[in-house]
Amino acid sequence: MRLHLAWITRKKLFVAPLVLLVLLLAVAACGSDSDTSQAQNAIEAERMEAEAAAMEDEKMEAEAMAMEEEKMAAEAMAMEEEKMEVEAMAMKESEAMAMDEEKKEAEAMATKEAEAMAMEEEKKDAEATAMKEAEAMAMEEEKKEAEAMAMKAGASLKLDLSGVEPLANGYHYEGWAIIGSRSNGPTATNEESAIMQLNKNLALAAAVAVSVVLAAACGSSESAATTVPTATQAPPAGSSDAANESRVGAYGSGSAAYGVAAATQEPTATPPPLSATKFAVADVDRKVGGTVGDRAPEFGGIDAWINGGPLTMAGLRGSVVLIDFWTYTCINCINTYPFLKDMQAKYADKGLVIVGVHSPEFEFEKSYENVVAATIKDDLVWTMAQYNDFITWRRYDNRYWPSEFLIDKDGVVRYTHIGEGAYAETEIAIQELLAEIGS
């Protein structure tokens, strides 16, 4: 023990430095570990700070982008609303301008139509005045000639022409009074009575001659027309057939010559008056026209078709065709609507084809839209031809509103009628022609 302690005592000089070294090494080791830990902590802190900064930057960028997008969306919406407002204002202005233009056009058209109607009325008045003057002069000349002829025979002839009423396309020869007499004097002897009777006969012959001349003059003036004809509206319903109608053709057709007295003829053999005229003439020998027995002319100058069409007379072979010349403001035409509707309802499915040929009398009646509106308003369902140049009118030698032409299955005019009335007669003619095709 003593030795050991002694040895320690002797060796303590060496142990102390060694212990010190160990302590130093331990302290150094401890310090080294501490520095390493601190460095690592510092690095981790820096990393976390960097991550936090990055996250903050990202958040700020995201918020900035969101704000920018919201701003852009708001600006786009504002621009779109502004654009829509501008477009709406432009549309309103355009509509207002269009309405103003339409109003001006309508006013201009109305003014033109009014001016045209006024001019047409003035023209008609002037023509009527000129015609009356010409007719008066012609009648005066005829009167003078007739009186001169009667005076040569030793009598004084007086013609009362107050009953002569000129019409648009003819004369109404009614109320002619022919008076043959001598001046007041002694009672007539047998010789004088014979002379007076002769004078009366001469006066009657002169009056008939005047009638024939005037009728011929009237016909020549009408046939010379080459523009839109001046037609006469037919008489109202209820007028007597004897006064308003005369049958024409080989057997008579039921054509009414309103305002023109039929010449008295010797009676001839005729079939019953309510029959459609029949013929045994080959087509090659027929002329084309609107007289009974003619081959029906083809439609011409048609601008548009309403309720069907286009139609042709060739295409209508095999059917019974009723052609109705009309215009939508003519009161006589309007009065025939119920009859035409009745015929359409009864016979359209049996082979009857009604074709209305609208022939305008006034300028405003030339409008296609006006004609269509009239057919809709009055429920006119059959096929209508609309035109303004009167080609078909002239082909049928027509002069009146309304006029009906009844055409058989072979395209031959078999019956005609002018004006209102004679509905039973017309229906019987239709039935007879339908019977010919087995209906």
Protein backbone atom coordinates (compact mmCIF):
# COMPACT_ATOMS: atom_id res chain seq x y z
CA MET A 1 0.00 0.00 0.00
CA ARG A 2 2.73 2.40 0.94
CA LEU A 3 4.57 1.36 -2.15
CA HIS A 4 1.54 1.97 -4.24
CA LEU A 5 0.94 5.36 -2.78
CA ALA A 6 4.53 6.12 -3.01
CA TRP A 7 4.56 5.11 -6.53
CA ILE A 8 1.54 7.29 -7.09
CA THR A 9 3.21 10.06 -5.28
CA ARG A 10 6.27 9.63 -7.40
CA LYS A 11 4.24 9.30 -10.50
CA LYS A 12 1.73 12.10 -9.76
CA LEU A 13 3.85 14.44 -11.61
CA PHE A 14 3.06 12.44 -14.69
CA VAL A 15 -0.57 11.70 -13.84
CA ALA A 16 -1.67 15.24 -13.52
CA PRO A 17 -0.74 16.23 -16.99
CA LEU A 18 -2.32 13.09 -18.24
CA VAL A 19 -5.56 13.83 -16.42
CA LEU A 20 -5.44 17.34 -17.67
CA LEU A 21 -4.97 16.08 -21.18
CA VAL A 22 -7.87 13.73 -20.81
CA LEU A 23 -9.98 16.51 -19.44
CA LEU A 24 -8.96 18.75 -22.28
CA LEU A 25 -9.75 16.08 -24.78
CA ALA A 26 -13.11 15.51 -23.15
CA VAL A 27 -13.82 19.21 -23.11
CA ALA A 28 -12.74 19.45 -26.73
CA ALA A 29 -14.94 16.56 -27.65
CA CYS A 30 -17.86 18.10 -25.83
CA GLY A 31 -17.23 21.40 -27.50
CA SER A 32 -17.02 19.76 -30.90
CA ASP A 33 -20.37 18.03 -30.46
CA SER A 34 -21.93 21.26 -29.30
CA ASP A 35 -20.66 23.18 -32.31
CA THR A 36 -21.92 20.50 -34.66
CA SER A 37 -25.37 20.57 -33.07
CA GLN A 38 -25.49 24.34 -33.22
CA ALA A 39 -24.49 24.31 -36.86
CA GLN A 40 -27.13 21.78 -37.64
CA ASN A 41 -29.71 23.81 -35.75
CA ALA A 42 -28.70 26.91 -37.60
CA ILE A 43 -28.96 25.14 -40.96
CA GLU A 44 -32.39 23.79 -40.03
CA ALA A 45 -33.52 27.20 -38.92
CA GLU A 46 -32.32 28.73 -42.15
CA ARG A 47 -34.08 26.01 -44.11
CA MET A 48 -37.32 26.58 -42.26
CA GLU A 49 -37.00 30.31 -42.72
CA ALA A 50 -36.38 29.78 -46.43
CA GLU A 51 -39.39 27.49 -46.70
CA ALA A 52 -41.56 29.96 -44.80
CA ALA A 53 -40.35 32.76 -47.03
CA ALA A 54 -41.04 30.65 -50.12
CA MET A 55 -44.51 29.78 -48.87
CA GLU A 56 -45.17 33.41 -48.11
CA ASP A 57 -43.99 34.38 -51.58
CA GLU A 58 -46.20 31.72 -53.15
CA LYS A 59 -49.16 32.89 -51.10
CA MET A 60 -48.56 36.48 -52.09
CA GLU A 61 -48.18 35.48 -55.74
CA ALA A 62 -51.39 33.42 -55.58
CA GLU A 63 -53.26 36.29 -53.99
CA ALA A 64 -51.85 38.69 -56.56
CA MET A 65 -52.87 36.37 -59.40
CA ALA A 66 -56.34 35.93 -57.94
CA MET A 67 -56.75 39.65 -57.57
CA GLU A 68 -55.51 40.16 -61.13
CA GLU A 69 -57.92 37.55 -62.46
CA GLU A 70 -60.81 39.10 -60.57
CA LYS A 71 -59.85 42.49 -61.90
CA MET A 72 -59.63 41.17 -65.47
CA ALA A 73 -62.97 39.36 -65.12
CA ALA A 74 -64.61 42.52 -63.78
CA GLU A 75 -63.14 44.57 -66.61
CA ALA A 76 -64.26 41.97 -69.18
CA MET A 77 -67.78 41.93 -67.72
CA ALA A 78 -67.91 45.70 -67.73
CA MET A 79 -66.71 45.77 -71.34
CA GLU A 80 -69.30 43.13 -72.34
CA GLU A 81 -72.08 45.08 -70.65
CA GLU A 82 -70.93 48.26 -72.32
CA LYS A 83 -70.77 46.45 -75.66
CA MET A 84 -74.29 45.08 -75.19
CA GLU A 85 -75.58 48.52 -74.28
CA VAL A 86 -73.94 49.99 -77.37
CA GLU A 87 -75.41 47.22 -79.54
CA ALA A 88 -78.85 47.69 -77.97
CA MET A 89 -78.69 51.42 -78.61
CA ALA A 90 -77.53 50.81 -82.17
CA MET A 91 -80.37 48.31 -82.71
CA LYS A 92 -82.92 50.75 -81.32
CA GLU A 93 -81.59 53.49 -83.56
CA SER A 94 -81.64 51.11 -86.54
CA GLU A 95 -85.21 50.04 -85.78
CA ALA A 96 -86.25 53.65 -85.33
CA MET A 97 -84.63 54.55 -88.65
CA ALA A 98 -86.27 51.54 -90.36
CA MET A 99 -89.66 52.47 -88.92
CA ASP A 100 -89.15 56.04 -90.01
CA GLU A 101 -88.19 54.86 -93.50
CA GLU A 102 -91.22 52.56 -93.65
CA LYS A 103 -93.43 55.39 -92.48
CA LYS A 104 -91.99 57.71 -95.12
CA GLU A 105 -92.36 55.03 -97.79
CA ALA A 106 -95.94 54.34 -96.72
CA GLU A 107 -96.74 58.06 -96.75
CA ALA A 108 -95.06 58.44 -100.13
CA MET A 109 -96.95 55.45 -101.50
CA ALA A 110 -100.21 56.73 -100.10
CA THR A 111 -99.52 60.12 -101.63
CA LYS A 112 -98.69 58.54 -104.98
CA GLU A 113 -101.80 56.39 -104.87
CA ALA A 114 -103.93 59.38 -103.95
CA GLU A 115 -102.37 61.40 -106.76
CA ALA A 116 -102.79 58.50 -109.18
CA MET A 117 -106.41 58.06 -108.16
CA ALA A 118 -107.01 61.79 -108.50
CA MET A 119 -105.35 61.79 -111.92
CA GLU A 120 -107.34 58.72 -112.91
CA GLU A 121 -110.56 60.34 -111.78
CA GLU A 122 -109.69 63.52 -113.67
CA LYS A 123 -108.81 61.44 -116.71
CA LYS A 124 -112.08 59.51 -116.47
CA ASP A 125 -114.03 62.72 -116.01
CA ALA A 126 -112.31 64.26 -119.02
CA GLU A 127 -112.90 61.13 -121.10
CA ALA A 128 -116.52 60.93 -119.99
CA THR A 129 -117.05 64.59 -120.82
CA ALA A 130 -115.38 64.19 -124.21
CA MET A 131 -117.39 61.05 -124.89
CA LYS A 132 -120.65 62.72 -123.91
CA GLU A 133 -119.87 65.67 -126.15
CA ALA A 134 -118.95 63.39 -129.04
CA GLU A 135 -122.05 61.30 -128.50
CA ALA A 136 -124.23 64.39 -128.29
CA MET A 137 -122.74 65.70 -131.53
CA ALA A 138 -123.17 62.33 -133.22
CA MET A 139 -126.76 62.02 -132.03
CA GLU A 140 -127.47 65.57 -133.14
CA GLU A 141 -126.12 64.78 -136.59
CA GLU A 142 -128.14 61.58 -136.77
CA LYS A 143 -131.19 63.47 -135.57
CA LYS A 144 -130.73 66.09 -138.25
CA GLU A 145 -130.27 63.44 -140.94
CA ALA A 146 -133.36 61.55 -139.76
CA GLU A 147 -135.44 64.73 -139.67
CA ALA A 148 -134.22 65.68 -143.11
CA MET A 149 -135.19 62.25 -144.47
CA ALA A 150 -138.63 62.52 -142.90
CA MET A 151 -139.17 66.07 -144.13
CA LYS A 152 -138.40 64.97 -147.67
CA ALA A 153 -141.33 62.57 -147.40
CA GLY A 154 -143.59 65.46 -146.36
CA ALA A 155 -143.69 65.01 -142.57
CA SER A 156 -142.02 66.60 -139.64
CA LEU A 157 -140.10 64.04 -137.51
CA LYS A 158 -139.38 64.71 -133.89
CA LEU A 159 -137.05 62.35 -131.93
CA ASP A 160 -137.06 62.49 -128.16
CA LEU A 161 -133.54 61.29 -127.26
CA SER A 162 -133.76 62.07 -123.56
CA GLY A 163 -133.78 58.35 -122.75
CA VAL A 164 -130.40 57.67 -124.36
CA GLU A 165 -127.86 57.14 -121.59
CA PRO A 166 -124.26 56.53 -122.69
CA LEU A 167 -122.38 53.90 -120.67
CA ALA A 168 -118.66 53.24 -120.40
CA ASN A 169 -118.69 50.55 -123.08
CA GLY A 170 -122.00 50.97 -124.83
CA TYR A 171 -125.32 52.72 -124.93
CA HIS A 172 -128.45 52.16 -122.98
CA TYR A 173 -131.04 52.39 -125.67
CA GLU A 174 -134.25 52.97 -123.78
CA GLY A 175 -137.06 55.54 -123.94
CA TRP A 176 -136.84 56.46 -127.63
CA ALA A 177 -140.08 58.19 -128.61
CA ILE A 178 -140.76 58.58 -132.31
CA ILE A 179 -143.57 60.98 -133.18
CA GLY A 180 -144.73 61.39 -136.79
CA SER A 181 -147.27 64.15 -137.34
CA ARG A 182 -148.26 67.02 -139.48
CA SER A 183 -148.72 70.58 -138.33
CA ASN A 184 -152.15 71.58 -137.07
CA GLY A 185 -154.66 72.08 -139.86
CA PRO A 186 -157.85 70.75 -141.43
CA THR A 187 -158.95 67.21 -140.79
CA ALA A 188 -156.85 64.80 -142.83
CA THR A 189 -158.29 63.20 -145.91
CA ASN A 190 -157.70 59.58 -146.85
CA GLU A 191 -154.76 60.68 -148.98
CA GLU A 192 -153.34 62.71 -146.16
CA SER A 193 -153.84 59.79 -143.76
CA ALA A 194 -151.90 57.54 -146.10
CA ILE A 195 -149.11 60.09 -146.27
CA MET A 196 -149.08 60.36 -142.48
CA GLN A 197 -148.86 56.57 -142.16
CA LEU A 198 -146.00 56.54 -144.67
CA ASN A 199 -144.26 59.27 -142.69
CA LYS A 200 -144.62 57.24 -139.52
CA ASN A 201 -143.12 54.21 -141.21
CA LEU A 202 -140.23 56.31 -142.53
CA ALA A 203 -139.71 57.81 -139.07
CA LEU A 204 -139.59 54.35 -137.53
CA ALA A 205 -137.11 53.18 -140.16
CA ALA A 206 -134.96 56.27 -139.53
CA ALA A 207 -134.98 55.63 -135.79
CA VAL A 208 -133.90 52.01 -136.31
CA ALA A 209 -131.15 53.23 -138.62
CA VAL A 210 -129.95 55.68 -135.94
CA SER A 211 -129.88 52.84 -133.40
CA VAL A 212 -127.85 50.61 -135.71
CA VAL A 213 -125.36 53.40 -136.50
CA LEU A 214 -124.85 54.27 -132.85
CA ALA A 215 -124.46 50.62 -131.88
CA ALA A 216 -121.89 50.11 -134.65
CA ALA A 217 -119.99 53.23 -133.59
CA CYS A 218 -119.97 51.99 -130.01
CA GLY A 219 -118.64 48.59 -131.00
CA SER A 220 -115.88 50.03 -133.18
CA SER A 221 -114.70 52.36 -130.42
CA GLU A 222 -114.52 49.47 -127.95
CA SER A 223 -112.67 47.12 -130.27
CA ALA A 224 -110.06 49.78 -130.95
CA ALA A 225 -108.89 49.90 -127.33
CA THR A 226 -105.36 48.55 -126.89
CA THR A 227 -104.53 49.62 -123.36
CA VAL A 228 -106.24 48.69 -120.10
CA PRO A 229 -109.91 48.67 -121.08
CA THR A 230 -112.50 50.85 -119.43
CA ALA A 231 -115.02 48.28 -118.29
CA THR A 232 -118.49 48.56 -116.95
CA GLN A 233 -119.59 46.98 -113.74
CA ALA A 234 -122.59 44.78 -114.26
CA PRO A 235 -126.05 45.48 -112.82
CA PRO A 236 -126.96 44.63 -109.24
CA ALA A 237 -128.84 41.50 -108.37
CA GLY A 238 -132.55 41.78 -108.69
CA SER A 239 -132.57 43.43 -112.12
CA SER A 240 -134.89 41.66 -114.49
CA ASP A 241 -133.35 39.18 -116.89
CA ALA A 242 -135.35 40.68 -119.74
CA ALA A 243 -133.69 44.06 -119.19
CA ASN A 244 -130.18 42.86 -118.35
CA GLU A 245 -129.56 39.64 -120.26
CA SER A 246 -129.67 38.43 -123.84
CA ARG A 247 -128.70 34.96 -124.96
CA VAL A 248 -126.16 34.68 -127.79
CA GLY A 249 -124.55 31.91 -129.85
CA ALA A 250 -126.04 29.27 -132.09
CA TYR A 251 -128.37 28.14 -129.32
CA GLY A 252 -127.93 31.03 -126.86
CA SER A 253 -125.41 31.22 -124.03
CA GLY A 254 -126.96 33.26 -121.25
CA SER A 255 -124.57 36.17 -121.79
CA ALA A 256 -125.97 39.29 -120.16
CA ALA A 257 -125.40 42.50 -122.11
CA TYR A 258 -126.13 44.99 -119.38
CA GLY A 259 -127.20 48.43 -120.63
CA VAL A 260 -127.59 47.39 -124.30
CA ALA A 261 -131.03 46.54 -125.59
CA ALA A 262 -131.08 43.34 -127.66
CA ALA A 263 -132.26 43.74 -131.24
CA THR A 264 -135.64 42.19 -131.90
CA GLN A 265 -135.34 39.12 -134.12
CA GLU A 266 -137.69 36.55 -135.49
CA PRO A 267 -137.94 33.61 -133.06
CA THR A 268 -135.74 30.67 -133.97
CA ALA A 269 -135.72 27.10 -132.77
CA THR A 270 -133.64 26.90 -129.59
CA PRO A 271 -133.17 24.32 -126.86
CA PRO A 272 -134.46 25.08 -123.35
CA PRO A 273 -133.04 28.45 -122.16
CA LEU A 274 -131.28 26.94 -119.14
CA SER A 275 -129.00 24.66 -121.15
CA ALA A 276 -125.33 25.02 -121.97
CA THR A 277 -124.83 25.46 -125.71
CA LYS A 278 -123.80 22.28 -127.52
CA PHE A 279 -121.76 22.13 -130.72
CA ALA A 280 -120.69 19.52 -133.25
CA VAL A 281 -117.77 21.47 -134.71
CA ALA A 282 -114.23 20.10 -134.82
CA ASP A 283 -111.60 21.96 -132.80
CA VAL A 284 -109.65 22.70 -135.96
CA ASP A 285 -112.57 24.78 -137.24
CA ARG A 286 -112.93 26.86 -134.07
CA LYS A 287 -111.44 30.27 -133.51
CA VAL A 288 -109.88 31.20 -130.18
CA GLY A 289 -111.88 33.70 -128.14
CA GLY A 290 -114.49 34.29 -125.48
CA THR A 291 -117.62 33.74 -127.58
CA VAL A 292 -119.71 30.63 -127.06
CA GLY A 293 -118.33 27.97 -129.38
CA ASP A 294 -114.77 29.36 -129.37
CA ARG A 295 -111.76 27.47 -128.11
CA ALA A 296 -110.90 29.00 -124.73
CA PRO A 297 -107.77 31.18 -124.87
CA GLU A 298 -104.71 30.33 -122.80
CA PHE A 299 -103.94 32.42 -119.71
CA GLY A 300 -101.53 35.22 -120.55
CA GLY A 301 -99.54 37.86 -118.69
CA ILE A 302 -100.13 36.29 -115.27
CA ASP A 303 -97.79 37.80 -112.64
CA ALA A 304 -98.62 35.47 -109.75
CA TRP A 305 -100.97 32.69 -108.67
CA ILE A 306 -102.86 32.54 -105.36
CA ASN A 307 -104.34 29.41 -103.72
CA GLY A 308 -102.56 27.09 -106.13
CA GLY A 309 -101.37 27.20 -109.70
CA PRO A 310 -99.86 27.88 -112.09
CA LEU A 311 -102.67 26.63 -114.32
CA THR A 312 -102.99 26.28 -118.10
CA MET A 313 -106.04 25.63 -120.22
CA ALA A 314 -104.22 22.66 -121.77
CA GLY A 315 -103.62 21.24 -118.31
CA LEU A 316 -107.28 21.71 -117.38
CA ARG A 317 -108.58 19.55 -120.23
CA GLY A 318 -110.96 16.96 -118.83
CA SER A 319 -112.32 19.37 -116.20
CA VAL A 320 -115.15 21.88 -116.31
CA VAL A 321 -113.62 25.33 -115.84
CA LEU A 322 -115.45 28.45 -114.60
CA ILE A 323 -113.36 31.56 -115.29
CA ASP A 324 -114.42 34.57 -113.23
CA PHE A 325 -113.08 38.03 -114.16
CA TRP A 326 -113.25 40.12 -110.98
CA THR A 327 -111.64 42.85 -108.89
CA TYR A 328 -111.81 42.95 -105.13
CA THR A 329 -113.46 46.38 -104.65
CA CYS A 330 -116.21 45.86 -107.24
CA ILE A 331 -119.51 45.60 -105.36
CA ASN A 332 -121.01 43.51 -108.16
CA CYS A 333 -118.11 41.06 -107.86
CA ILE A 334 -118.47 40.94 -104.08
CA ASN A 335 -122.16 40.10 -104.46
CA THR A 336 -121.25 36.96 -106.46
CA TYR A 337 -118.99 35.54 -103.71
CA PRO A 338 -121.75 33.48 -102.03
CA PHE A 339 -122.67 31.82 -105.35
CA LEU A 340 -119.03 31.03 -106.22
CA LYS A 341 -118.41 29.64 -102.72
CA ASP A 342 -121.50 27.46 -103.09
CA MET A 343 -120.31 26.14 -106.48
CA GLN A 344 -116.86 25.46 -105.04
CA ALA A 345 -118.32 23.52 -102.13
CA LYS A 346 -120.75 21.50 -104.28
CA TYR A 347 -118.73 20.67 -107.37
CA ALA A 348 -114.99 21.08 -106.75
CA ASP A 349 -114.65 17.36 -106.01
CA LYS A 350 -116.78 16.47 -109.06
CA GLY A 351 -114.55 18.09 -111.67
CA LEU A 352 -115.32 21.83 -111.49
CA VAL A 353 -112.31 24.15 -111.36
CA ILE A 354 -113.00 27.82 -110.59
CA VAL A 355 -110.27 30.23 -111.70
CA GLY A 356 -110.56 33.86 -110.60
CA VAL A 357 -108.72 36.23 -112.95
CA HIS A 358 -108.17 39.40 -110.91
CA SER A 359 -108.27 42.38 -113.27
CA PRO A 360 -107.67 45.65 -111.38
CA GLU A 361 -109.78 48.74 -112.01
CA PHE A 362 -107.79 51.10 -109.76
CA GLU A 363 -104.08 51.56 -109.17
CA PHE A 364 -104.12 50.24 -105.60
CA GLU A 365 -105.82 47.05 -106.81
CA LYS A 366 -102.64 46.16 -108.73
CA SER A 367 -100.87 45.25 -105.48
CA TYR A 368 -100.34 41.49 -105.08
CA GLU A 369 -100.39 41.86 -101.30
CA ASN A 370 -103.75 43.66 -101.45
CA VAL A 371 -105.28 40.89 -103.58
CA VAL A 372 -103.98 38.19 -101.23
CA ALA A 373 -105.36 40.08 -98.24
CA ALA A 374 -108.76 40.34 -99.96
CA THR A 375 -108.89 36.59 -100.68
CA ILE A 376 -108.06 35.85 -97.03
CA LYS A 377 -110.53 38.41 -95.68
CA ASP A 378 -113.42 37.11 -97.80
CA ASP A 379 -112.40 33.42 -97.57
CA LEU A 380 -112.00 32.93 -101.33
CA VAL A 381 -110.32 29.52 -101.57
CA TRP A 382 -110.28 28.79 -105.31
CA THR A 383 -107.25 29.47 -107.47
CA MET A 384 -106.65 33.10 -108.43
CA ALA A 385 -104.54 34.55 -111.25
CA GLN A 386 -103.16 38.00 -110.41
CA TYR A 387 -102.00 40.30 -113.21
CA ASN A 388 -102.17 43.93 -114.28
CA ASP A 389 -101.80 44.06 -118.08
CA PHE A 390 -105.25 42.64 -119.10
CA ILE A 391 -103.84 40.17 -121.65
CA THR A 392 -106.21 37.37 -120.63
CA TRP A 393 -109.07 39.92 -120.37
CA ARG A 394 -108.54 40.94 -124.03
CA ARG A 395 -108.13 37.37 -125.20
CA TYR A 396 -111.64 36.66 -123.94
CA ASP A 397 -112.97 39.93 -125.47
CA ASN A 398 -114.23 40.84 -121.99
CA ARG A 399 -115.54 44.30 -121.01
CA TYR A 400 -117.25 43.85 -117.67
CA TRP A 401 -116.77 43.12 -113.97
CA PRO A 402 -117.80 40.48 -113.11
CA SER A 403 -117.90 38.12 -116.12
CA GLU A 404 -118.09 34.32 -116.08
CA PHE A 405 -116.97 31.97 -118.87
CA LEU A 406 -117.88 28.28 -118.53
CA ILE A 407 -115.57 25.94 -120.44
CA ASP A 408 -116.17 22.24 -121.07
CA LYS A 409 -113.83 19.27 -120.78
CA ASP A 410 -112.58 19.81 -124.36
CA GLY A 411 -111.62 23.44 -123.75
CA VAL A 412 -114.62 24.96 -125.58
CA VAL A 413 -116.52 27.99 -124.27
CA ARG A 414 -120.03 26.69 -123.67
CA TYR A 415 -121.68 29.39 -121.56
CA THR A 416 -121.04 33.01 -120.59
CA HIS A 417 -122.67 35.40 -118.15
CA ILE A 418 -122.04 39.05 -117.31
CA GLY A 419 -122.85 40.54 -113.94
CA GLU A 420 -124.79 39.26 -110.98
CA GLY A 421 -127.81 37.00 -111.06
CA ALA A 422 -128.81 34.02 -113.24
CA TYR A 423 -127.34 31.79 -110.55
CA ALA A 424 -129.80 28.94 -111.13
CA GLU A 425 -129.14 29.07 -114.87
CA THR A 426 -125.38 29.05 -114.35
CA GLU A 427 -125.58 26.10 -111.95
CA ILE A 428 -127.68 24.09 -114.40
CA ALA A 429 -125.07 24.76 -117.10
CA ILE A 430 -122.34 23.56 -114.71
CA GLN A 431 -124.31 20.39 -113.93
CA GLU A 432 -124.81 19.65 -117.64
CA LEU A 433 -121.10 20.01 -118.41
CA LEU A 434 -120.14 17.90 -115.39
CA ALA A 435 -122.56 15.22 -116.63
CA GLU A 436 -120.59 15.10 -119.87
CA ILE A 437 -117.53 13.95 -117.95
CA GLY A 438 -119.56 11.44 -115.96
CA SER A 439 -119.77 13.41 -112.71
